[in-house]
Amino acid sequence: MTTLTNQLLERMPPPGAPVTIKEMAYLLEATHRRIVHSMDVMRRRGLVERVTTGCYRLTAMGETARAAGRKITSGPRRPHTGRRSAAPHSFQSKIWRALRQLEKATVPEIQSLMDGSSRPGTKRPSGCVQRYLNFLTRAGWVMKLKHRRRGTAPTSPGHVVYLLVKNTGPTAPYFSQKNDALVDPNTGEIHSLRERKIA
């Protein structure tokens, strides 16, 4: 059963359009007190912002969460469906941070800037870096350059060079499996990957 907080998120007007507690209480047939509580839960998670007393509006982050089909739980302070925006110290965040610093780099160069090149249960960290770069490439955030950089092994064909073309902010974009899309928390953009294939 959908909780009142999730019903409230689903029924909020688009970002920029304010709505009152009284209006939402009438719409959802809930008490004023319950709506205030649910609205405060969303406010603490950055999904809505208070305009004036008793009046709120959806934020870009709230619209992103709603479009991605995320659900607000009573546990973590972020909406969650099993695939969330990367945490500050997550593996993808480290990749994104290194890529923003280098702007143009190979997988080994990105790994060298990360705080440790592996994570628990990961046997091939370079494969995880490669997979995340593939998502960014498909969405158009990153571009593969034609020339390769020479590898250290004599038989190496060289390393693919990736260029960051959309440096949108400090928070790592992430893949939404439900929507087959890349979600960028920095801008609120949701980019479908259904029609884009890696060249």
C-alpha atoms as a PDB file:
ATOM      1  CA  MET A   1       0.000   0.000   0.000  1.00  0.00           C
ATOM      2  CA  THR A   2       1.310   3.430  -0.963  1.00  0.00           C
ATOM      3  CA  THR A   3       2.101   5.618   2.029  1.00  0.00           C
ATOM      4  CA  LEU A   4       0.638   9.099   2.396  1.00  0.00           C
ATOM      5  CA  THR A   5       4.074  10.647   1.835  1.00  0.00           C
ATOM      6  CA  ASN A   6       4.441   8.840  -1.503  1.00  0.00           C
ATOM      7  CA  GLN A   7       0.881   9.766  -2.488  1.00  0.00           C
ATOM      8  CA  LEU A   8       1.735  13.366  -1.686  1.00  0.00           C
ATOM      9  CA  LEU A   9       4.867  13.236  -3.848  1.00  0.00           C
ATOM     10  CA  GLU A  10       2.871  11.778  -6.750  1.00  0.00           C
ATOM     11  CA  ARG A  11       0.153  14.453  -6.522  1.00  0.00           C
ATOM     12  CA  MET A  12       2.346  17.520  -6.040  1.00  0.00           C
ATOM     13  CA  PRO A  13       2.126  20.147  -8.832  1.00  0.00           C
ATOM     14  CA  PRO A  14       5.164  20.601 -11.145  1.00  0.00           C
ATOM     15  CA  PRO A  15       8.245  22.420  -9.751  1.00  0.00           C
ATOM     16  CA  GLY A  16       7.612  26.127  -9.250  1.00  0.00           C
ATOM     17  CA  ALA A  17       3.870  25.764  -8.685  1.00  0.00           C
ATOM     18  CA  PRO A  18       3.059  26.310  -4.979  1.00  0.00           C
ATOM     19  CA  VAL A  19       0.389  24.342  -3.164  1.00  0.00           C
ATOM     20  CA  THR A  20      -1.015  24.697   0.354  1.00  0.00           C
ATOM     21  CA  ILE A  21      -1.353  22.123   3.106  1.00  0.00           C
ATOM     22  CA  LYS A  22      -5.111  22.727   3.067  1.00  0.00           C
ATOM     23  CA  GLU A  23      -5.350  21.972  -0.669  1.00  0.00           C
ATOM     24  CA  MET A  24      -3.373  18.721  -0.379  1.00  0.00           C
ATOM     25  CA  ALA A  25      -5.335  17.635   2.701  1.00  0.00           C
ATOM     26  CA  TYR A  26      -8.552  18.044   0.716  1.00  0.00           C
ATOM     27  CA  LEU A  27      -7.122  16.322  -2.370  1.00  0.00           C
ATOM     28  CA  LEU A  28      -5.827  13.290  -0.457  1.00  0.00           C
ATOM     29  CA  GLU A  29      -8.645  13.217   2.098  1.00  0.00           C
ATOM     30  CA  ALA A  30      -6.157  13.318   4.967  1.00  0.00           C
ATOM     31  CA  THR A  31      -5.903  15.382   8.121  1.00  0.00           C
ATOM     32  CA  HIS A  32      -3.992  18.652   8.170  1.00  0.00           C
ATOM     33  CA  ARG A  33      -1.580  17.164  10.716  1.00  0.00           C
ATOM     34  CA  ARG A  34      -0.709  14.124   8.568  1.00  0.00           C
ATOM     35  CA  ILE A  35      -0.077  16.275   5.498  1.00  0.00           C
ATOM     36  CA  VAL A  36       2.202  18.574   7.511  1.00  0.00           C
ATOM     37  CA  HIS A  37       4.173  15.546   8.729  1.00  0.00           C
ATOM     38  CA  SER A  38       4.539  14.043   5.234  1.00  0.00           C
ATOM     39  CA  MET A  39       5.475  17.395   3.727  1.00  0.00           C
ATOM     40  CA  ASP A  40       8.165  17.817   6.384  1.00  0.00           C
ATOM     41  CA  VAL A  41       9.537  14.352   5.578  1.00  0.00           C
ATOM     42  CA  MET A  42       9.900  15.393   1.933  1.00  0.00           C
ATOM     43  CA  ARG A  43      11.346  18.781   2.862  1.00  0.00           C
ATOM     44  CA  ARG A  44      14.132  17.145   4.900  1.00  0.00           C
ATOM     45  CA  ARG A  45      15.001  15.036   1.873  1.00  0.00           C
ATOM     46  CA  GLY A  46      15.133  18.057  -0.434  1.00  0.00           C
ATOM     47  CA  LEU A  47      12.085  16.982  -2.457  1.00  0.00           C
ATOM     48  CA  VAL A  48       9.991  20.050  -1.607  1.00  0.00           C
ATOM     49  CA  GLU A  49      10.704  23.522  -0.277  1.00  0.00           C
ATOM     50  CA  ARG A  50       8.610  25.804   1.892  1.00  0.00           C
ATOM     51  CA  VAL A  51       7.480  29.009   0.191  1.00  0.00           C
ATOM     52  CA  THR A  52       5.617  30.470   3.167  1.00  0.00           C
ATOM     53  CA  THR A  53       3.958  28.986   6.237  1.00  0.00           C
ATOM     54  CA  GLY A  54       1.633  26.212   5.066  1.00  0.00           C
ATOM     55  CA  CYS A  55       2.682  26.565   1.415  1.00  0.00           C
ATOM     56  CA  TYR A  56       5.175  24.323  -0.414  1.00  0.00           C
ATOM     57  CA  ARG A  57       6.424  23.547  -3.897  1.00  0.00           C
ATOM     58  CA  LEU A  58       8.202  20.611  -5.530  1.00  0.00           C
ATOM     59  CA  THR A  59      11.952  20.953  -6.171  1.00  0.00           C
ATOM     60  CA  ALA A  60      13.920  19.730  -9.203  1.00  0.00           C
ATOM     61  CA  MET A  61      15.185  16.882  -7.022  1.00  0.00           C
ATOM     62  CA  GLY A  62      11.603  16.020  -6.131  1.00  0.00           C
ATOM     63  CA  GLU A  63      10.596  15.941  -9.788  1.00  0.00           C
ATOM     64  CA  THR A  64      13.589  13.700 -10.565  1.00  0.00           C
ATOM     65  CA  ALA A  65      12.614  11.309  -7.777  1.00  0.00           C
ATOM     66  CA  ARG A  66       9.009  11.220  -8.946  1.00  0.00           C
ATOM     67  CA  ALA A  67       9.921  10.651 -12.592  1.00  0.00           C
ATOM     68  CA  ALA A  68      12.301   7.849 -11.611  1.00  0.00           C
ATOM     69  CA  GLY A  69       9.522   6.158  -9.658  1.00  0.00           C
ATOM     70  CA  ARG A  70      11.349   6.237  -6.358  1.00  0.00           C
ATOM     71  CA  LYS A  71       9.594   5.585  -3.081  1.00  0.00           C
ATOM     72  CA  ILE A  72      10.158   7.375   0.205  1.00  0.00           C
ATOM     73  CA  THR A  73      10.783   4.993   3.078  1.00  0.00           C
ATOM     74  CA  SER A  74      10.899   5.584   6.809  1.00  0.00           C
ATOM     75  CA  GLY A  75      14.543   4.517   6.948  1.00  0.00           C
ATOM     76  CA  PRO A  76      17.095   6.329   4.722  1.00  0.00           C
ATOM     77  CA  ARG A  77      16.692  10.067   4.350  1.00  0.00           C
ATOM     78  CA  ARG A  78      16.521   9.755   0.588  1.00  0.00           C
ATOM     79  CA  PRO A  79      13.842   8.324  -1.697  1.00  0.00           C
ATOM     80  CA  HIS A  80      14.809   4.792  -2.679  1.00  0.00           C
ATOM     81  CA  THR A  81      13.888   2.025  -5.100  1.00  0.00           C
ATOM     82  CA  GLY A  82      17.009  -0.061  -4.919  1.00  0.00           C
ATOM     83  CA  ARG A  83      18.882   2.307  -7.223  1.00  0.00           C
ATOM     84  CA  ARG A  84      19.774   5.628  -5.650  1.00  0.00           C
ATOM     85  CA  SER A  85      21.805   8.694  -6.351  1.00  0.00           C
ATOM     86  CA  ALA A  86      25.405   7.784  -5.614  1.00  0.00           C
ATOM     87  CA  ALA A  87      26.474   8.479  -2.031  1.00  0.00           C
ATOM     88  CA  PRO A  88      29.427  10.874  -1.535  1.00  0.00           C
ATOM     89  CA  HIS A  89      31.919   8.020  -1.023  1.00  0.00           C
ATOM     90  CA  SER A  90      30.413   5.447  -3.374  1.00  0.00           C
ATOM     91  CA  PHE A  91      32.390   3.856  -6.178  1.00  0.00           C
ATOM     92  CA  GLN A  92      30.570   5.824  -8.892  1.00  0.00           C
ATOM     93  CA  SER A  93      31.114   9.081  -7.028  1.00  0.00           C
ATOM     94  CA  LYS A  94      34.848   8.400  -6.960  1.00  0.00           C
ATOM     95  CA  ILE A  95      34.842   7.726 -10.702  1.00  0.00           C
ATOM     96  CA  TRP A  96      32.846  10.903 -11.381  1.00  0.00           C
ATOM     97  CA  ARG A  97      35.090  12.997  -9.131  1.00  0.00           C
ATOM     98  CA  ALA A  98      38.235  11.696 -10.847  1.00  0.00           C
ATOM     99  CA  LEU A  99      36.729  12.267 -14.289  1.00  0.00           C
ATOM    100  CA  ARG A 100      35.802  15.858 -13.424  1.00  0.00           C
ATOM    101  CA  GLN A 101      39.336  16.496 -12.215  1.00  0.00           C
ATOM    102  CA  LEU A 102      41.037  14.977 -15.262  1.00  0.00           C
ATOM    103  CA  GLU A 103      38.416  15.986 -17.874  1.00  0.00           C
ATOM    104  CA  LYS A 104      40.094  13.658 -20.391  1.00  0.00           C
ATOM    105  CA  ALA A 105      41.360  10.274 -19.203  1.00  0.00           C
ATOM    106  CA  THR A 106      41.674   6.513 -19.632  1.00  0.00           C
ATOM    107  CA  VAL A 107      40.283   3.895 -17.242  1.00  0.00           C
ATOM    108  CA  PRO A 108      43.712   3.333 -15.569  1.00  0.00           C
ATOM    109  CA  GLU A 109      44.173   7.098 -15.135  1.00  0.00           C
ATOM    110  CA  ILE A 110      40.769   7.405 -13.477  1.00  0.00           C
ATOM    111  CA  GLN A 111      41.567   4.490 -11.179  1.00  0.00           C
ATOM    112  CA  SER A 112      44.849   6.088 -10.137  1.00  0.00           C
ATOM    113  CA  LEU A 113      42.988   9.123  -8.758  1.00  0.00           C
ATOM    114  CA  MET A 114      40.395   7.134  -6.860  1.00  0.00           C
ATOM    115  CA  ASP A 115      40.825   6.495  -3.137  1.00  0.00           C
ATOM    116  CA  GLY A 116      41.545   2.793  -3.591  1.00  0.00           C
ATOM    117  CA  SER A 117      40.926   0.979  -6.850  1.00  0.00           C
ATOM    118  CA  SER A 118      38.527  -1.660  -5.578  1.00  0.00           C
ATOM    119  CA  ARG A 119      35.524  -2.168  -3.374  1.00  0.00           C
ATOM    120  CA  PRO A 120      34.434  -5.182  -1.277  1.00  0.00           C
ATOM    121  CA  GLY A 121      33.257  -8.051  -3.475  1.00  0.00           C
ATOM    122  CA  THR A 122      34.598  -6.484  -6.668  1.00  0.00           C
ATOM    123  CA  LYS A 123      37.097  -8.665  -8.506  1.00  0.00           C
ATOM    124  CA  ARG A 124      37.583  -6.412 -11.509  1.00  0.00           C
ATOM    125  CA  PRO A 125      37.281  -2.740 -10.484  1.00  0.00           C
ATOM    126  CA  SER A 126      38.375  -1.626 -13.960  1.00  0.00           C
ATOM    127  CA  GLY A 127      35.261  -3.349 -15.308  1.00  0.00           C
ATOM    128  CA  CYS A 128      33.091  -1.296 -12.930  1.00  0.00           C
ATOM    129  CA  VAL A 129      34.772   1.910 -14.097  1.00  0.00           C
ATOM    130  CA  GLN A 130      34.268   0.844 -17.709  1.00  0.00           C
ATOM    131  CA  ARG A 131      30.587   0.043 -17.144  1.00  0.00           C
ATOM    132  CA  TYR A 132      29.879   3.436 -15.575  1.00  0.00           C
ATOM    133  CA  LEU A 133      31.731   5.207 -18.396  1.00  0.00           C
ATOM    134  CA  ASN A 134      29.613   3.275 -20.897  1.00  0.00           C
ATOM    135  CA  PHE A 135      26.428   4.634 -19.292  1.00  0.00           C
ATOM    136  CA  LEU A 136      27.815   8.182 -19.394  1.00  0.00           C
ATOM    137  CA  THR A 137      28.857   7.705 -23.025  1.00  0.00           C
ATOM    138  CA  ARG A 138      25.456   6.397 -24.085  1.00  0.00           C
ATOM    139  CA  ALA A 139      23.754   9.387 -22.464  1.00  0.00           C
ATOM    140  CA  GLY A 140      26.142  11.918 -24.015  1.00  0.00           C
ATOM    141  CA  TRP A 141      27.854  13.064 -20.806  1.00  0.00           C
ATOM    142  CA  VAL A 142      31.129  11.503 -21.951  1.00  0.00           C
ATOM    143  CA  MET A 143      32.637  11.029 -25.406  1.00  0.00           C
ATOM    144  CA  LYS A 144      35.116   8.419 -26.657  1.00  0.00           C
ATOM    145  CA  LEU A 145      38.047   9.944 -28.528  1.00  0.00           C
ATOM    146  CA  LYS A 146      39.381   8.255 -31.661  1.00  0.00           C
ATOM    147  CA  HIS A 147      43.013   8.077 -30.590  1.00  0.00           C
ATOM    148  CA  ARG A 148      44.188   5.705 -27.862  1.00  0.00           C
ATOM    149  CA  ARG A 149      46.918   6.150 -25.287  1.00  0.00           C
ATOM    150  CA  ARG A 150      49.745   3.640 -25.284  1.00  0.00           C
ATOM    151  CA  GLY A 151      49.500   0.865 -22.714  1.00  0.00           C
ATOM    152  CA  THR A 152      52.376  -0.492 -20.623  1.00  0.00           C
ATOM    153  CA  ALA A 153      52.214  -4.060 -21.927  1.00  0.00           C
ATOM    154  CA  PRO A 154      54.008  -4.744 -25.251  1.00  0.00           C
ATOM    155  CA  THR A 155      50.892  -6.379 -26.693  1.00  0.00           C
ATOM    156  CA  SER A 156      48.474  -3.723 -25.432  1.00  0.00           C
ATOM    157  CA  PRO A 157      46.292  -2.133 -28.140  1.00  0.00           C
ATOM    158  CA  GLY A 158      46.265   1.041 -26.050  1.00  0.00           C
ATOM    159  CA  HIS A 159      43.659   2.562 -23.764  1.00  0.00           C
ATOM    160  CA  VAL A 160      40.470   4.315 -24.870  1.00  0.00           C
ATOM    161  CA  VAL A 161      40.467   8.005 -23.936  1.00  0.00           C
ATOM    162  CA  TYR A 162      37.231   9.445 -22.530  1.00  0.00           C
ATOM    163  CA  LEU A 163      36.390  13.157 -22.671  1.00  0.00           C
ATOM    164  CA  LEU A 164      33.923  14.678 -20.186  1.00  0.00           C
ATOM    165  CA  VAL A 165      31.635  16.901 -22.259  1.00  0.00           C
ATOM    166  CA  LYS A 166      28.902  17.586 -19.672  1.00  0.00           C
ATOM    167  CA  ASN A 167      30.456  18.564 -16.357  1.00  0.00           C
ATOM    168  CA  THR A 168      27.164  19.344 -14.663  1.00  0.00           C
ATOM    169  CA  GLY A 169      28.212  19.364 -11.009  1.00  0.00           C
ATOM    170  CA  PRO A 170      29.727  17.457  -8.088  1.00  0.00           C
ATOM    171  CA  THR A 171      27.077  14.749  -7.664  1.00  0.00           C
ATOM    172  CA  ALA A 172      27.564  11.625  -9.765  1.00  0.00           C
ATOM    173  CA  PRO A 173      24.843  10.918 -12.360  1.00  0.00           C
ATOM    174  CA  TYR A 174      23.427   7.415 -11.906  1.00  0.00           C
ATOM    175  CA  PHE A 175      21.578   4.758 -13.872  1.00  0.00           C
ATOM    176  CA  SER A 176      17.866   4.198 -13.216  1.00  0.00           C
ATOM    177  CA  GLN A 177      17.191   0.570 -14.117  1.00  0.00           C
ATOM    178  CA  LYS A 178      13.427   1.024 -13.929  1.00  0.00           C
ATOM    179  CA  ASN A 179      13.420   3.743 -16.599  1.00  0.00           C
ATOM    180  CA  ASP A 180      16.556   2.642 -18.469  1.00  0.00           C
ATOM    181  CA  ALA A 181      17.795   6.201 -18.092  1.00  0.00           C
ATOM    182  CA  LEU A 182      20.671   8.227 -16.722  1.00  0.00           C
ATOM    183  CA  VAL A 183      19.561  10.579 -13.945  1.00  0.00           C
ATOM    184  CA  ASP A 184      21.646  13.672 -13.197  1.00  0.00           C
ATOM    185  CA  PRO A 185      20.896  14.999  -9.676  1.00  0.00           C
ATOM    186  CA  ASN A 186      22.835  18.198 -10.459  1.00  0.00           C
ATOM    187  CA  THR A 187      20.338  19.350 -13.086  1.00  0.00           C
ATOM    188  CA  GLY A 188      17.332  17.090 -12.533  1.00  0.00           C
ATOM    189  CA  GLU A 189      17.726  15.800 -16.101  1.00  0.00           C
ATOM    190  CA  ILE A 190      16.570  12.257 -16.895  1.00  0.00           C
ATOM    191  CA  HIS A 191      18.079  10.993 -20.152  1.00  0.00           C
ATOM    192  CA  SER A 192      16.575   7.834 -21.669  1.00  0.00           C
ATOM    193  CA  LEU A 193      19.090   5.264 -22.901  1.00  0.00           C
ATOM    194  CA  ARG A 194      16.579   3.099 -24.745  1.00  0.00           C
ATOM    195  CA  GLU A 195      17.385   4.470 -28.183  1.00  0.00           C
ATOM    196  CA  ARG A 196      21.092   5.112 -27.669  1.00  0.00           C
ATOM    197  CA  LYS A 197      23.732   2.455 -28.190  1.00  0.00           C
ATOM    198  CA  ILE A 198      27.454   2.659 -27.636  1.00  0.00           C
ATOM    199  CA  ALA A 199      29.254   3.246 -30.928  1.00  0.00           C
END
